[in-house]
Amino acid sequence: MKVHLIKEKTIYLFSINHTNCYFPLEDWVDKIRNADWEKPDDILFTFPSCDLLGNGSSRVIFNIKGNQFRLIGKYGFGLSQVHLFICWIGSHADYSKLCSKGLQYTISSY
């Protein structure tokens, strides 16, 4: 199924403040537009270095620009498409701070 990217504007707002991340994020969006997923494990075929979070969170962590940045997405598999909501984008260091507080499961803004 094709992926419907929700809050794509978040990516572009982030790249305005982090210009060194513009092209890696553009590449990520291109891969999302061409993705064909039927189940969560298919995400790993498109992005082998991503991490599927547990605890029933339906969240995935994408490594951007050689893992310098992280993007948290929440996915939902519908009948005809996959919905991928952009929850958060930040540096790897900022992501580690989120994890130390357990916020990677609930955060929904960047």
N, C-alpha and C. Protein backbone atom coordinates (compact mmCIF):
# COMPACT_ATOMS: atom_id res chain seq x y z
N MET A 1 0.84 -1.18 0.00
CA MET A 1 0.00 0.00 0.00
C MET A 1 0.88 1.24 0.00
N LYS A 2 0.39 2.26 -0.64
CA LYS A 2 1.10 3.54 -0.67
C LYS A 2 1.01 4.20 0.70
N VAL A 3 1.96 5.11 0.96
CA VAL A 3 2.04 5.79 2.25
C VAL A 3 1.51 7.21 2.11
N HIS A 4 0.59 7.57 2.99
CA HIS A 4 0.06 8.94 3.09
C HIS A 4 0.83 9.63 4.21
N LEU A 5 1.65 10.59 3.85
CA LEU A 5 2.49 11.29 4.81
C LEU A 5 1.72 12.46 5.41
N ILE A 6 1.54 12.45 6.72
CA ILE A 6 0.79 13.48 7.43
C ILE A 6 1.76 14.38 8.18
N LYS A 7 1.54 15.67 8.04
CA LYS A 7 2.38 16.72 8.63
C LYS A 7 3.73 16.81 7.93
N GLU A 8 3.71 16.64 6.61
CA GLU A 8 4.95 16.76 5.83
C GLU A 8 5.56 18.14 6.01
N LYS A 9 4.72 19.13 6.27
CA LYS A 9 5.20 20.50 6.48
C LYS A 9 6.21 20.56 7.64
N THR A 10 6.05 19.71 8.62
CA THR A 10 6.98 19.65 9.75
C THR A 10 8.40 19.41 9.27
N ILE A 11 8.56 18.56 8.27
CA ILE A 11 9.87 18.25 7.72
C ILE A 11 10.50 19.50 7.12
N TYR A 12 9.71 20.23 6.35
CA TYR A 12 10.25 21.41 5.69
C TYR A 12 10.53 22.55 6.68
N LEU A 13 9.70 22.68 7.70
CA LEU A 13 9.98 23.69 8.73
C LEU A 13 11.27 23.36 9.47
N PHE A 14 11.48 22.08 9.73
CA PHE A 14 12.71 21.66 10.39
C PHE A 14 13.92 21.95 9.51
N SER A 15 13.81 21.66 8.22
CA SER A 15 14.95 21.84 7.32
C SER A 15 15.31 23.31 7.11
N ILE A 16 14.38 24.22 7.35
CA ILE A 16 14.69 25.65 7.27
C ILE A 16 15.71 26.02 8.33
N ASN A 17 15.55 25.47 9.52
CA ASN A 17 16.46 25.76 10.64
C ASN A 17 17.68 24.86 10.66
N HIS A 18 17.66 23.79 9.89
CA HIS A 18 18.75 22.82 9.84
C HIS A 18 19.06 22.53 8.38
N THR A 19 19.65 23.50 7.70
CA THR A 19 19.85 23.41 6.25
C THR A 19 20.73 22.24 5.86
N ASN A 20 21.61 21.79 6.75
CA ASN A 20 22.46 20.64 6.44
C ASN A 20 21.66 19.33 6.37
N CYS A 21 20.40 19.40 6.76
CA CYS A 21 19.54 18.22 6.76
C CYS A 21 18.53 18.25 5.61
N TYR A 22 18.52 19.32 4.82
CA TYR A 22 17.52 19.47 3.77
C TYR A 22 17.54 18.31 2.77
N PHE A 23 18.68 18.04 2.17
CA PHE A 23 18.76 16.99 1.15
C PHE A 23 18.52 15.59 1.70
N PRO A 24 19.06 15.25 2.88
CA PRO A 24 18.72 13.93 3.44
C PRO A 24 17.22 13.77 3.72
N LEU A 25 16.57 14.84 4.18
CA LEU A 25 15.13 14.76 4.42
C LEU A 25 14.35 14.67 3.10
N GLU A 26 14.82 15.38 2.09
CA GLU A 26 14.19 15.30 0.78
C GLU A 26 14.29 13.87 0.23
N ASP A 27 15.44 13.25 0.41
CA ASP A 27 15.63 11.86 -0.01
C ASP A 27 14.69 10.94 0.76
N TRP A 28 14.54 11.18 2.07
CA TRP A 28 13.65 10.38 2.90
C TRP A 28 12.21 10.48 2.39
N VAL A 29 11.76 11.71 2.09
CA VAL A 29 10.40 11.91 1.58
C VAL A 29 10.21 11.18 0.25
N ASP A 30 11.21 11.23 -0.62
CA ASP A 30 11.12 10.51 -1.90
C ASP A 30 10.94 9.01 -1.68
N LYS A 31 11.68 8.45 -0.74
CA LYS A 31 11.53 7.02 -0.44
C LYS A 31 10.15 6.70 0.10
N ILE A 32 9.61 7.59 0.93
CA ILE A 32 8.26 7.39 1.47
C ILE A 32 7.24 7.40 0.33
N ARG A 33 7.39 8.34 -0.60
CA ARG A 33 6.44 8.44 -1.71
C ARG A 33 6.45 7.19 -2.60
N ASN A 34 7.57 6.50 -2.64
CA ASN A 34 7.69 5.30 -3.48
C ASN A 34 7.52 4.00 -2.69
N ALA A 35 7.27 4.11 -1.40
CA ALA A 35 7.16 2.92 -0.55
C ALA A 35 5.87 2.16 -0.84
N ASP A 36 5.95 0.87 -0.59
CA ASP A 36 4.80 -0.01 -0.74
C ASP A 36 4.83 -0.98 0.45
N TRP A 37 4.03 -0.67 1.46
CA TRP A 37 4.05 -1.44 2.71
C TRP A 37 2.71 -2.13 2.93
N GLU A 38 2.78 -3.36 3.39
CA GLU A 38 1.58 -4.12 3.74
C GLU A 38 1.51 -4.38 5.25
N LYS A 39 2.66 -4.31 5.90
CA LYS A 39 2.74 -4.58 7.35
C LYS A 39 3.93 -3.80 7.91
N PRO A 40 3.99 -3.57 9.22
CA PRO A 40 5.07 -2.78 9.80
C PRO A 40 6.48 -3.26 9.43
N ASP A 41 6.68 -4.56 9.35
CA ASP A 41 8.02 -5.06 9.00
C ASP A 41 8.48 -4.60 7.62
N ASP A 42 7.55 -4.25 6.75
CA ASP A 42 7.92 -3.76 5.42
C ASP A 42 8.65 -2.43 5.49
N ILE A 43 8.42 -1.67 6.54
CA ILE A 43 9.13 -0.40 6.72
C ILE A 43 10.63 -0.65 6.76
N LEU A 44 11.02 -1.78 7.35
CA LEU A 44 12.44 -2.12 7.46
C LEU A 44 13.07 -2.43 6.10
N PHE A 45 12.28 -2.84 5.13
CA PHE A 45 12.82 -3.07 3.78
C PHE A 45 13.18 -1.75 3.11
N THR A 46 12.36 -0.73 3.35
CA THR A 46 12.62 0.59 2.78
C THR A 46 13.72 1.31 3.55
N PHE A 47 13.70 1.17 4.87
CA PHE A 47 14.66 1.84 5.75
C PHE A 47 15.27 0.81 6.71
N PRO A 48 16.29 0.09 6.28
CA PRO A 48 16.86 -0.99 7.10
C PRO A 48 17.39 -0.54 8.47
N SER A 49 17.75 0.73 8.61
CA SER A 49 18.32 1.17 9.88
C SER A 49 17.28 1.77 10.83
N CYS A 50 15.99 1.74 10.44
CA CYS A 50 14.97 2.30 11.33
C CYS A 50 14.68 1.32 12.47
N ASP A 51 14.02 1.83 13.48
CA ASP A 51 13.64 1.01 14.64
C ASP A 51 12.13 1.09 14.84
N LEU A 52 11.49 -0.06 14.93
CA LEU A 52 10.07 -0.10 15.28
C LEU A 52 9.96 -0.14 16.79
N LEU A 53 9.28 0.85 17.37
CA LEU A 53 9.13 0.89 18.82
C LEU A 53 8.08 -0.12 19.27
N GLY A 54 8.25 -0.61 20.45
CA GLY A 54 7.32 -1.58 21.02
C GLY A 54 6.23 -0.91 21.83
N ASN A 55 5.74 -1.60 22.81
CA ASN A 55 4.69 -1.12 23.72
C ASN A 55 3.41 -0.73 23.00
N GLY A 56 3.14 -1.35 21.85
CA GLY A 56 1.93 -1.05 21.10
C GLY A 56 1.85 0.39 20.61
N SER A 57 3.00 1.03 20.47
CA SER A 57 3.01 2.46 20.14
C SER A 57 2.78 2.76 18.66
N SER A 58 2.97 1.77 17.79
CA SER A 58 2.87 1.99 16.33
C SER A 58 3.77 3.13 15.89
N ARG A 59 4.94 3.22 16.49
CA ARG A 59 5.89 4.28 16.15
C ARG A 59 7.16 3.68 15.57
N VAL A 60 7.78 4.47 14.71
CA VAL A 60 9.02 4.07 14.07
C VAL A 60 9.99 5.23 14.17
N ILE A 61 11.26 4.88 14.41
CA ILE A 61 12.32 5.87 14.49
C ILE A 61 13.18 5.74 13.25
N PHE A 62 13.27 6.82 12.49
CA PHE A 62 14.08 6.84 11.28
C PHE A 62 15.39 7.58 11.55
N ASN A 63 16.47 7.04 11.04
CA ASN A 63 17.78 7.70 11.11
C ASN A 63 17.93 8.56 9.87
N ILE A 64 18.25 9.82 10.09
CA ILE A 64 18.40 10.78 9.00
C ILE A 64 19.83 11.30 8.99
N LYS A 65 20.40 11.41 7.83
CA LYS A 65 21.76 11.94 7.62
C LYS A 65 22.77 11.16 8.46
N GLY A 66 22.85 9.87 8.20
CA GLY A 66 23.83 9.05 8.89
C GLY A 66 23.64 9.00 10.39
N ASN A 67 22.39 9.09 10.83
CA ASN A 67 22.01 9.00 12.24
C ASN A 67 22.35 10.27 13.02
N GLN A 68 22.66 11.37 12.32
CA GLN A 68 22.86 12.65 13.02
C GLN A 68 21.54 13.20 13.53
N PHE A 69 20.44 12.84 12.83
CA PHE A 69 19.11 13.28 13.20
C PHE A 69 18.19 12.08 13.29
N ARG A 70 17.13 12.26 14.06
CA ARG A 70 16.12 11.21 14.20
C ARG A 70 14.76 11.79 13.88
N LEU A 71 13.90 10.97 13.30
CA LEU A 71 12.54 11.34 13.00
C LEU A 71 11.64 10.27 13.59
N ILE A 72 10.67 10.69 14.39
CA ILE A 72 9.69 9.76 14.97
C ILE A 72 8.41 9.86 14.17
N GLY A 73 7.94 8.73 13.69
CA GLY A 73 6.67 8.68 12.97
C GLY A 73 5.73 7.69 13.63
N LYS A 74 4.45 7.96 13.51
CA LYS A 74 3.43 7.03 14.00
C LYS A 74 2.67 6.52 12.79
N TYR A 75 2.58 5.22 12.64
CA TYR A 75 1.96 4.63 11.46
C TYR A 75 0.64 3.96 11.79
N GLY A 76 -0.20 3.91 10.76
CA GLY A 76 -1.47 3.21 10.85
C GLY A 76 -1.76 2.57 9.51
N PHE A 77 -2.00 1.29 9.51
CA PHE A 77 -2.28 0.57 8.28
C PHE A 77 -3.79 0.52 8.07
N GLY A 78 -4.23 1.19 7.01
CA GLY A 78 -5.64 1.21 6.67
C GLY A 78 -5.96 0.14 5.64
N LEU A 79 -7.14 0.23 5.05
CA LEU A 79 -7.55 -0.74 4.05
C LEU A 79 -6.85 -0.52 2.71
N SER A 80 -6.58 0.75 2.37
CA SER A 80 -6.01 1.02 1.05
C SER A 80 -4.72 1.83 1.09
N GLN A 81 -4.32 2.31 2.27
CA GLN A 81 -3.06 3.05 2.37
C GLN A 81 -2.55 3.02 3.80
N VAL A 82 -1.29 3.38 3.92
CA VAL A 82 -0.64 3.49 5.23
C VAL A 82 -0.57 4.97 5.57
N HIS A 83 -0.96 5.32 6.77
CA HIS A 83 -0.87 6.70 7.23
C HIS A 83 0.38 6.81 8.10
N LEU A 84 1.24 7.77 7.78
CA LEU A 84 2.46 8.00 8.56
C LEU A 84 2.45 9.44 9.03
N PHE A 85 2.27 9.62 10.33
CA PHE A 85 2.19 10.93 10.96
C PHE A 85 3.57 11.31 11.50
N ILE A 86 4.08 12.46 11.11
CA ILE A 86 5.36 12.93 11.61
C ILE A 86 5.15 13.48 13.01
N CYS A 87 5.74 12.83 14.00
CA CYS A 87 5.57 13.23 15.39
C CYS A 87 6.67 14.17 15.87
N TRP A 88 7.89 13.93 15.41
CA TRP A 88 9.03 14.70 15.95
C TRP A 88 10.25 14.52 15.07
N ILE A 89 11.06 15.58 14.96
CA ILE A 89 12.37 15.52 14.29
C ILE A 89 13.35 16.28 15.16
N GLY A 90 14.55 15.74 15.31
CA GLY A 90 15.58 16.42 16.09
C GLY A 90 16.91 15.73 15.96
N SER A 91 17.89 16.29 16.64
CA SER A 91 19.22 15.70 16.63
C SER A 91 19.22 14.39 17.39
N HIS A 92 20.24 13.60 17.15
CA HIS A 92 20.37 12.33 17.86
C HIS A 92 20.48 12.59 19.37
N ALA A 93 21.21 13.64 19.73
CA ALA A 93 21.38 13.99 21.16
C ALA A 93 20.02 14.36 21.77
N ASP A 94 19.21 15.14 21.05
CA ASP A 94 17.89 15.50 21.56
C ASP A 94 16.99 14.28 21.68
N TYR A 95 17.12 13.36 20.73
CA TYR A 95 16.34 12.12 20.79
C TYR A 95 16.73 11.32 22.03
N SER A 96 18.02 11.26 22.33
CA SER A 96 18.46 10.54 23.53
C SER A 96 17.86 11.14 24.79
N LYS A 97 17.72 12.46 24.82
CA LYS A 97 17.09 13.12 25.98
C LYS A 97 15.62 12.72 26.08
N LEU A 98 14.93 12.65 24.94
CA LEU A 98 13.54 12.19 24.94
C LEU A 98 13.43 10.79 25.52
N CYS A 99 14.33 9.92 25.06
CA CYS A 99 14.30 8.53 25.50
C CYS A 99 14.54 8.39 26.99
N SER A 100 15.41 9.23 27.52
CA SER A 100 15.70 9.14 28.96
C SER A 100 14.46 9.46 29.79
N LYS A 101 13.51 10.17 29.19
CA LYS A 101 12.25 10.51 29.87
C LYS A 101 11.09 9.65 29.39
N GLY A 102 11.35 8.74 28.44
CA GLY A 102 10.31 7.88 27.90
C GLY A 102 9.33 8.61 26.97
N LEU A 103 9.71 9.78 26.47
CA LEU A 103 8.80 10.58 25.67
C LEU A 103 8.71 10.14 24.20
N GLN A 104 9.58 9.25 23.77
CA GLN A 104 9.54 8.81 22.37
C GLN A 104 8.22 8.12 22.03
N TYR A 105 7.49 7.66 23.04
CA TYR A 105 6.21 6.99 22.83
C TYR A 105 5.02 7.94 22.74
N THR A 106 5.22 9.20 23.17
CA THR A 106 4.06 10.10 23.27
C THR A 106 4.25 11.45 22.59
N ILE A 107 5.46 11.88 22.31
CA ILE A 107 5.69 13.21 21.77
C ILE A 107 5.02 13.37 20.40
N SER A 108 4.48 14.55 20.15
CA SER A 108 3.82 14.81 18.87
C SER A 108 4.08 16.21 18.34
N SER A 109 5.29 16.71 18.57
CA SER A 109 5.67 18.00 18.01
C SER A 109 7.19 18.07 17.97
N TYR A 110 7.69 19.00 17.16
CA TYR A 110 9.15 19.13 17.12
C TYR A 110 9.60 20.42 17.73
